[in-house]
Amino acid sequence: MIKFMLKSFLLISVLFILVLFGMQHANDGIRNMKGYNDPNFEGAFQITEAESGDLEAAVLGERVTSHDIQEKHQKLQEMEAFNIFSKIGAKFSEGIAFFFQKILEFITKTTE
């Protein structure tokens, strides 16, 4: 199971990186078709060095920092802490499964 998960994660990571490289290649192709360099076109993935010496990354023009990732992780934990709709859906599906299980038991008992 661990080997499968590792292979799946590796495959997904490679495909994600290839998609980013493909977007960058398409962007370069658009620049070549235009015939001149337009400063409004940016690459799909950019890494720049800030004045403080830190590296900053941008994916599709959106800056990505570790601070943003931590905030999103915290929001995700808060959402998972209390999600009433998922709990209601889980109870509803359990009830339906129990109902159909009892119906099937009744049908099998009566046909014997």
N, C-alpha and C. Protein backbone atom coordinates (compact mmCIF):
# COMPACT_ATOMS: atom_id res chain seq x y z
N MET A 1 0.82 -1.19 0.00
CA MET A 1 0.00 0.00 0.00
C MET A 1 0.87 1.25 0.00
N ILE A 2 1.94 1.21 0.78
CA ILE A 2 2.83 2.37 0.85
C ILE A 2 3.53 2.57 -0.49
N LYS A 3 3.93 1.46 -1.14
CA LYS A 3 4.57 1.57 -2.45
C LYS A 3 3.61 2.20 -3.46
N PHE A 4 2.36 1.78 -3.41
CA PHE A 4 1.36 2.33 -4.33
C PHE A 4 1.18 3.82 -4.11
N MET A 5 1.06 4.23 -2.83
CA MET A 5 0.89 5.65 -2.53
C MET A 5 2.11 6.45 -2.96
N LEU A 6 3.29 5.91 -2.74
CA LEU A 6 4.52 6.60 -3.13
C LEU A 6 4.58 6.75 -4.65
N LYS A 7 4.25 5.68 -5.37
CA LYS A 7 4.25 5.75 -6.83
C LYS A 7 3.21 6.74 -7.33
N SER A 8 2.04 6.74 -6.72
CA SER A 8 0.97 7.66 -7.13
C SER A 8 1.39 9.10 -6.88
N PHE A 9 1.94 9.37 -5.71
CA PHE A 9 2.39 10.72 -5.40
C PHE A 9 3.49 11.16 -6.35
N LEU A 10 4.42 10.28 -6.65
CA LEU A 10 5.50 10.61 -7.58
C LEU A 10 4.95 10.89 -8.96
N LEU A 11 4.02 10.09 -9.42
CA LEU A 11 3.41 10.29 -10.74
C LEU A 11 2.66 11.61 -10.81
N ILE A 12 1.88 11.91 -9.79
CA ILE A 12 1.12 13.16 -9.76
C ILE A 12 2.07 14.35 -9.73
N SER A 13 3.15 14.25 -8.98
CA SER A 13 4.12 15.34 -8.90
C SER A 13 4.78 15.57 -10.25
N VAL A 14 5.18 14.49 -10.91
CA VAL A 14 5.81 14.63 -12.22
C VAL A 14 4.85 15.24 -13.23
N LEU A 15 3.60 14.78 -13.23
CA LEU A 15 2.61 15.33 -14.16
C LEU A 15 2.35 16.80 -13.90
N PHE A 16 2.30 17.20 -12.62
CA PHE A 16 2.08 18.61 -12.29
C PHE A 16 3.24 19.46 -12.80
N ILE A 17 4.45 18.99 -12.61
CA ILE A 17 5.62 19.74 -13.07
C ILE A 17 5.62 19.82 -14.60
N LEU A 18 5.24 18.73 -15.26
CA LEU A 18 5.18 18.74 -16.72
C LEU A 18 4.11 19.70 -17.24
N VAL A 19 3.00 19.82 -16.54
CA VAL A 19 1.96 20.78 -16.94
C VAL A 19 2.50 22.20 -16.82
N LEU A 20 3.22 22.50 -15.75
CA LEU A 20 3.81 23.83 -15.60
C LEU A 20 4.82 24.12 -16.71
N PHE A 21 5.65 23.15 -17.04
CA PHE A 21 6.61 23.35 -18.13
C PHE A 21 5.90 23.53 -19.46
N GLY A 22 4.81 22.79 -19.66
CA GLY A 22 4.03 22.95 -20.89
C GLY A 22 3.41 24.33 -21.01
N MET A 23 2.93 24.86 -19.89
CA MET A 23 2.37 26.21 -19.90
C MET A 23 3.46 27.24 -20.22
N GLN A 24 4.64 27.01 -19.68
CA GLN A 24 5.75 27.91 -19.96
C GLN A 24 6.14 27.84 -21.44
N HIS A 25 6.15 26.64 -21.98
CA HIS A 25 6.49 26.46 -23.39
C HIS A 25 5.44 27.13 -24.28
N ALA A 26 4.17 27.00 -23.92
CA ALA A 26 3.10 27.65 -24.69
C ALA A 26 3.25 29.16 -24.62
N ASN A 27 3.63 29.68 -23.47
CA ASN A 27 3.83 31.12 -23.32
C ASN A 27 4.98 31.59 -24.22
N ASP A 28 6.05 30.82 -24.25
CA ASP A 28 7.17 31.17 -25.13
C ASP A 28 6.75 31.12 -26.59
N GLY A 29 5.92 30.16 -26.95
CA GLY A 29 5.42 30.07 -28.32
C GLY A 29 4.56 31.26 -28.69
N ILE A 30 3.75 31.74 -27.76
CA ILE A 30 2.93 32.92 -28.04
C ILE A 30 3.82 34.13 -28.26
N ARG A 31 4.87 34.25 -27.46
CA ARG A 31 5.81 35.38 -27.65
C ARG A 31 6.47 35.30 -29.02
N ASN A 32 6.87 34.11 -29.42
CA ASN A 32 7.51 33.96 -30.72
C ASN A 32 6.55 34.27 -31.87
N MET A 33 5.27 33.91 -31.70
CA MET A 33 4.29 34.19 -32.75
C MET A 33 4.04 35.68 -32.88
N LYS A 34 4.06 36.40 -31.76
CA LYS A 34 3.82 37.85 -31.81
C LYS A 34 4.95 38.57 -32.54
N GLY A 35 6.16 38.07 -32.37
CA GLY A 35 7.28 38.69 -33.05
C GLY A 35 7.99 39.75 -32.23
N TYR A 36 7.46 40.10 -31.08
CA TYR A 36 8.12 41.06 -30.20
C TYR A 36 7.86 40.68 -28.76
N ASN A 37 8.68 41.18 -27.86
CA ASN A 37 8.57 40.83 -26.45
C ASN A 37 7.61 41.79 -25.76
N ASP A 38 6.52 41.27 -25.27
CA ASP A 38 5.51 42.06 -24.55
C ASP A 38 5.74 41.90 -23.06
N PRO A 39 6.01 42.98 -22.32
CA PRO A 39 6.27 42.84 -20.88
C PRO A 39 5.05 42.40 -20.08
N ASN A 40 3.86 42.45 -20.67
CA ASN A 40 2.66 42.01 -19.96
C ASN A 40 2.59 40.49 -19.85
N PHE A 41 3.26 39.78 -20.76
CA PHE A 41 3.29 38.32 -20.70
C PHE A 41 4.30 37.91 -19.65
N GLU A 42 3.85 37.08 -18.72
CA GLU A 42 4.75 36.54 -17.71
C GLU A 42 4.78 35.03 -17.85
N GLY A 43 5.81 34.42 -17.31
CA GLY A 43 5.93 32.98 -17.37
C GLY A 43 4.92 32.31 -16.44
N ALA A 44 4.70 31.04 -16.66
CA ALA A 44 3.76 30.30 -15.82
C ALA A 44 4.31 30.11 -14.41
N PHE A 45 5.62 29.99 -14.32
CA PHE A 45 6.24 29.76 -13.03
C PHE A 45 7.50 30.60 -12.95
N GLN A 46 7.57 31.47 -11.94
CA GLN A 46 8.71 32.37 -11.80
C GLN A 46 9.26 32.31 -10.38
N ILE A 47 10.59 32.33 -10.29
CA ILE A 47 11.26 32.43 -9.00
C ILE A 47 12.15 33.66 -9.05
N THR A 48 11.94 34.57 -8.11
CA THR A 48 12.74 35.80 -8.05
C THR A 48 13.35 35.93 -6.66
N GLU A 49 14.41 36.70 -6.60
CA GLU A 49 15.06 36.93 -5.32
C GLU A 49 14.67 38.32 -4.83
N ALA A 50 14.17 38.39 -3.60
CA ALA A 50 13.75 39.66 -3.03
C ALA A 50 14.97 40.44 -2.55
N GLU A 51 14.75 41.69 -2.18
CA GLU A 51 15.84 42.53 -1.70
C GLU A 51 16.46 41.98 -0.42
N SER A 52 15.65 41.29 0.37
CA SER A 52 16.15 40.74 1.63
C SER A 52 16.95 39.45 1.41
N GLY A 53 16.97 38.94 0.18
CA GLY A 53 17.70 37.72 -0.11
C GLY A 53 16.83 36.49 -0.12
N ASP A 54 15.56 36.62 0.26
CA ASP A 54 14.64 35.48 0.24
C ASP A 54 14.17 35.21 -1.18
N LEU A 55 13.86 33.96 -1.45
CA LEU A 55 13.33 33.59 -2.75
C LEU A 55 11.81 33.67 -2.72
N GLU A 56 11.25 34.25 -3.77
CA GLU A 56 9.80 34.35 -3.90
C GLU A 56 9.39 33.58 -5.14
N ALA A 57 8.29 32.85 -5.04
CA ALA A 57 7.78 32.07 -6.16
C ALA A 57 6.43 32.62 -6.59
N ALA A 58 6.16 32.53 -7.88
CA ALA A 58 4.87 32.95 -8.42
C ALA A 58 4.42 31.89 -9.42
N VAL A 59 3.19 31.42 -9.24
CA VAL A 59 2.60 30.45 -10.15
C VAL A 59 1.41 31.11 -10.80
N LEU A 60 1.47 31.24 -12.13
CA LEU A 60 0.42 31.89 -12.91
C LEU A 60 0.14 33.31 -12.41
N GLY A 61 1.18 34.02 -12.01
CA GLY A 61 1.05 35.41 -11.58
C GLY A 61 0.68 35.59 -10.13
N GLU A 62 0.33 34.53 -9.44
CA GLU A 62 -0.03 34.60 -8.03
C GLU A 62 1.19 34.29 -7.18
N ARG A 63 1.54 35.20 -6.28
CA ARG A 63 2.69 34.97 -5.41
C ARG A 63 2.35 33.89 -4.38
N VAL A 64 3.29 33.00 -4.18
CA VAL A 64 3.12 31.91 -3.23
C VAL A 64 4.20 32.05 -2.16
N THR A 65 3.78 32.17 -0.92
CA THR A 65 4.73 32.25 0.18
C THR A 65 4.37 31.20 1.21
N SER A 66 5.31 30.94 2.08
CA SER A 66 5.04 29.94 3.13
C SER A 66 3.97 30.46 4.09
N HIS A 67 3.88 31.79 4.22
CA HIS A 67 2.87 32.38 5.09
C HIS A 67 1.47 32.10 4.55
N ASP A 68 1.30 32.22 3.22
CA ASP A 68 0.01 31.92 2.60
C ASP A 68 -0.37 30.46 2.79
N ILE A 69 0.62 29.60 2.64
CA ILE A 69 0.35 28.17 2.78
C ILE A 69 -0.06 27.84 4.20
N GLN A 70 0.58 28.47 5.18
CA GLN A 70 0.22 28.23 6.57
C GLN A 70 -1.19 28.73 6.87
N GLU A 71 -1.57 29.90 6.30
CA GLU A 71 -2.92 30.42 6.50
C GLU A 71 -3.97 29.49 5.90
N LYS A 72 -3.69 28.98 4.69
CA LYS A 72 -4.63 28.07 4.05
C LYS A 72 -4.75 26.76 4.83
N HIS A 73 -3.63 26.29 5.37
CA HIS A 73 -3.66 25.07 6.18
C HIS A 73 -4.51 25.29 7.43
N GLN A 74 -4.37 26.44 8.04
CA GLN A 74 -5.14 26.74 9.25
C GLN A 74 -6.64 26.85 8.92
N LYS A 75 -6.98 27.49 7.81
CA LYS A 75 -8.38 27.58 7.40
C LYS A 75 -8.96 26.20 7.12
N LEU A 76 -8.15 25.33 6.49
CA LEU A 76 -8.62 23.98 6.21
C LEU A 76 -8.89 23.20 7.48
N GLN A 77 -8.02 23.36 8.48
CA GLN A 77 -8.24 22.69 9.76
C GLN A 77 -9.51 23.21 10.44
N GLU A 78 -9.77 24.51 10.35
CA GLU A 78 -10.99 25.07 10.94
C GLU A 78 -12.23 24.55 10.23
N MET A 79 -12.14 24.41 8.90
CA MET A 79 -13.29 23.91 8.15
C MET A 79 -13.58 22.46 8.51
N GLU A 80 -12.53 21.66 8.69
CA GLU A 80 -12.73 20.26 9.02
C GLU A 80 -13.18 20.09 10.47
N ALA A 81 -12.91 21.08 11.30
CA ALA A 81 -13.27 20.97 12.71
C ALA A 81 -14.79 20.88 12.88
N PHE A 82 -15.52 21.66 12.10
CA PHE A 82 -16.97 21.63 12.24
C PHE A 82 -17.60 21.86 10.87
N ASN A 83 -18.00 20.80 10.24
CA ASN A 83 -18.69 20.88 8.97
C ASN A 83 -19.99 20.10 9.12
N ILE A 84 -21.05 20.82 9.42
CA ILE A 84 -22.33 20.20 9.74
C ILE A 84 -22.92 19.46 8.54
N PHE A 85 -22.68 19.98 7.33
CA PHE A 85 -23.28 19.35 6.16
C PHE A 85 -22.66 17.99 5.88
N SER A 86 -21.36 17.86 6.10
CA SER A 86 -20.75 16.54 5.87
C SER A 86 -21.21 15.55 6.93
N LYS A 87 -21.41 16.01 8.16
CA LYS A 87 -21.90 15.12 9.21
C LYS A 87 -23.33 14.69 8.92
N ILE A 88 -24.16 15.62 8.47
CA ILE A 88 -25.54 15.28 8.13
C ILE A 88 -25.56 14.30 6.97
N GLY A 89 -24.73 14.55 5.95
CA GLY A 89 -24.65 13.64 4.81
C GLY A 89 -24.19 12.26 5.20
N ALA A 90 -23.23 12.18 6.11
CA ALA A 90 -22.74 10.87 6.56
C ALA A 90 -23.84 10.12 7.30
N LYS A 91 -24.56 10.79 8.19
CA LYS A 91 -25.65 10.14 8.92
C LYS A 91 -26.76 9.71 7.97
N PHE A 92 -27.07 10.55 6.99
CA PHE A 92 -28.11 10.23 6.01
C PHE A 92 -27.73 9.00 5.20
N SER A 93 -26.47 8.92 4.75
CA SER A 93 -26.04 7.76 3.97
C SER A 93 -26.02 6.50 4.82
N GLU A 94 -25.65 6.62 6.10
CA GLU A 94 -25.70 5.47 6.99
C GLU A 94 -27.13 4.98 7.16
N GLY A 95 -28.06 5.91 7.29
CA GLY A 95 -29.47 5.54 7.43
C GLY A 95 -30.01 4.85 6.20
N ILE A 96 -29.67 5.35 5.03
CA ILE A 96 -30.14 4.74 3.79
C ILE A 96 -29.54 3.34 3.64
N ALA A 97 -28.25 3.20 3.95
CA ALA A 97 -27.60 1.89 3.85
C ALA A 97 -28.25 0.90 4.81
N PHE A 98 -28.54 1.34 6.02
CA PHE A 98 -29.20 0.47 7.01
C PHE A 98 -30.58 0.07 6.52
N PHE A 99 -31.33 1.02 5.96
CA PHE A 99 -32.68 0.77 5.45
C PHE A 99 -32.66 -0.29 4.36
N PHE A 100 -31.77 -0.12 3.37
CA PHE A 100 -31.72 -1.08 2.27
C PHE A 100 -31.17 -2.43 2.73
N GLN A 101 -30.31 -2.44 3.71
CA GLN A 101 -29.82 -3.70 4.24
C GLN A 101 -30.97 -4.48 4.88
N LYS A 102 -31.82 -3.80 5.64
CA LYS A 102 -32.97 -4.46 6.27
C LYS A 102 -33.96 -4.95 5.22
N ILE A 103 -34.16 -4.17 4.16
CA ILE A 103 -35.07 -4.59 3.09
C ILE A 103 -34.54 -5.86 2.42
N LEU A 104 -33.22 -5.89 2.13
CA LEU A 104 -32.64 -7.07 1.50
C LEU A 104 -32.71 -8.29 2.43
N GLU A 105 -32.51 -8.09 3.71
CA GLU A 105 -32.62 -9.19 4.67
C GLU A 105 -34.05 -9.73 4.69
N PHE A 106 -35.02 -8.83 4.66
CA PHE A 106 -36.43 -9.23 4.67
C PHE A 106 -36.76 -10.02 3.39
N ILE A 107 -36.27 -9.55 2.25
CA ILE A 107 -36.56 -10.24 0.98
C ILE A 107 -35.92 -11.62 0.96
N THR A 108 -34.69 -11.71 1.43
CA THR A 108 -34.03 -13.03 1.42
C THR A 108 -34.68 -14.00 2.40
N LYS A 109 -35.19 -13.51 3.54
CA LYS A 109 -35.87 -14.38 4.50
C LYS A 109 -37.20 -14.86 3.94
N THR A 110 -37.92 -13.99 3.25
CA THR A 110 -39.23 -14.40 2.74
C THR A 110 -39.14 -15.30 1.54
N THR A 111 -38.05 -15.24 0.79
CA THR A 111 -37.93 -16.11 -0.40
C THR A 111 -37.37 -17.47 -0.07
N GLU A 112 -36.92 -17.70 1.14
CA GLU A 112 -36.38 -19.02 1.52
C GLU A 112 -37.44 -20.03 1.73
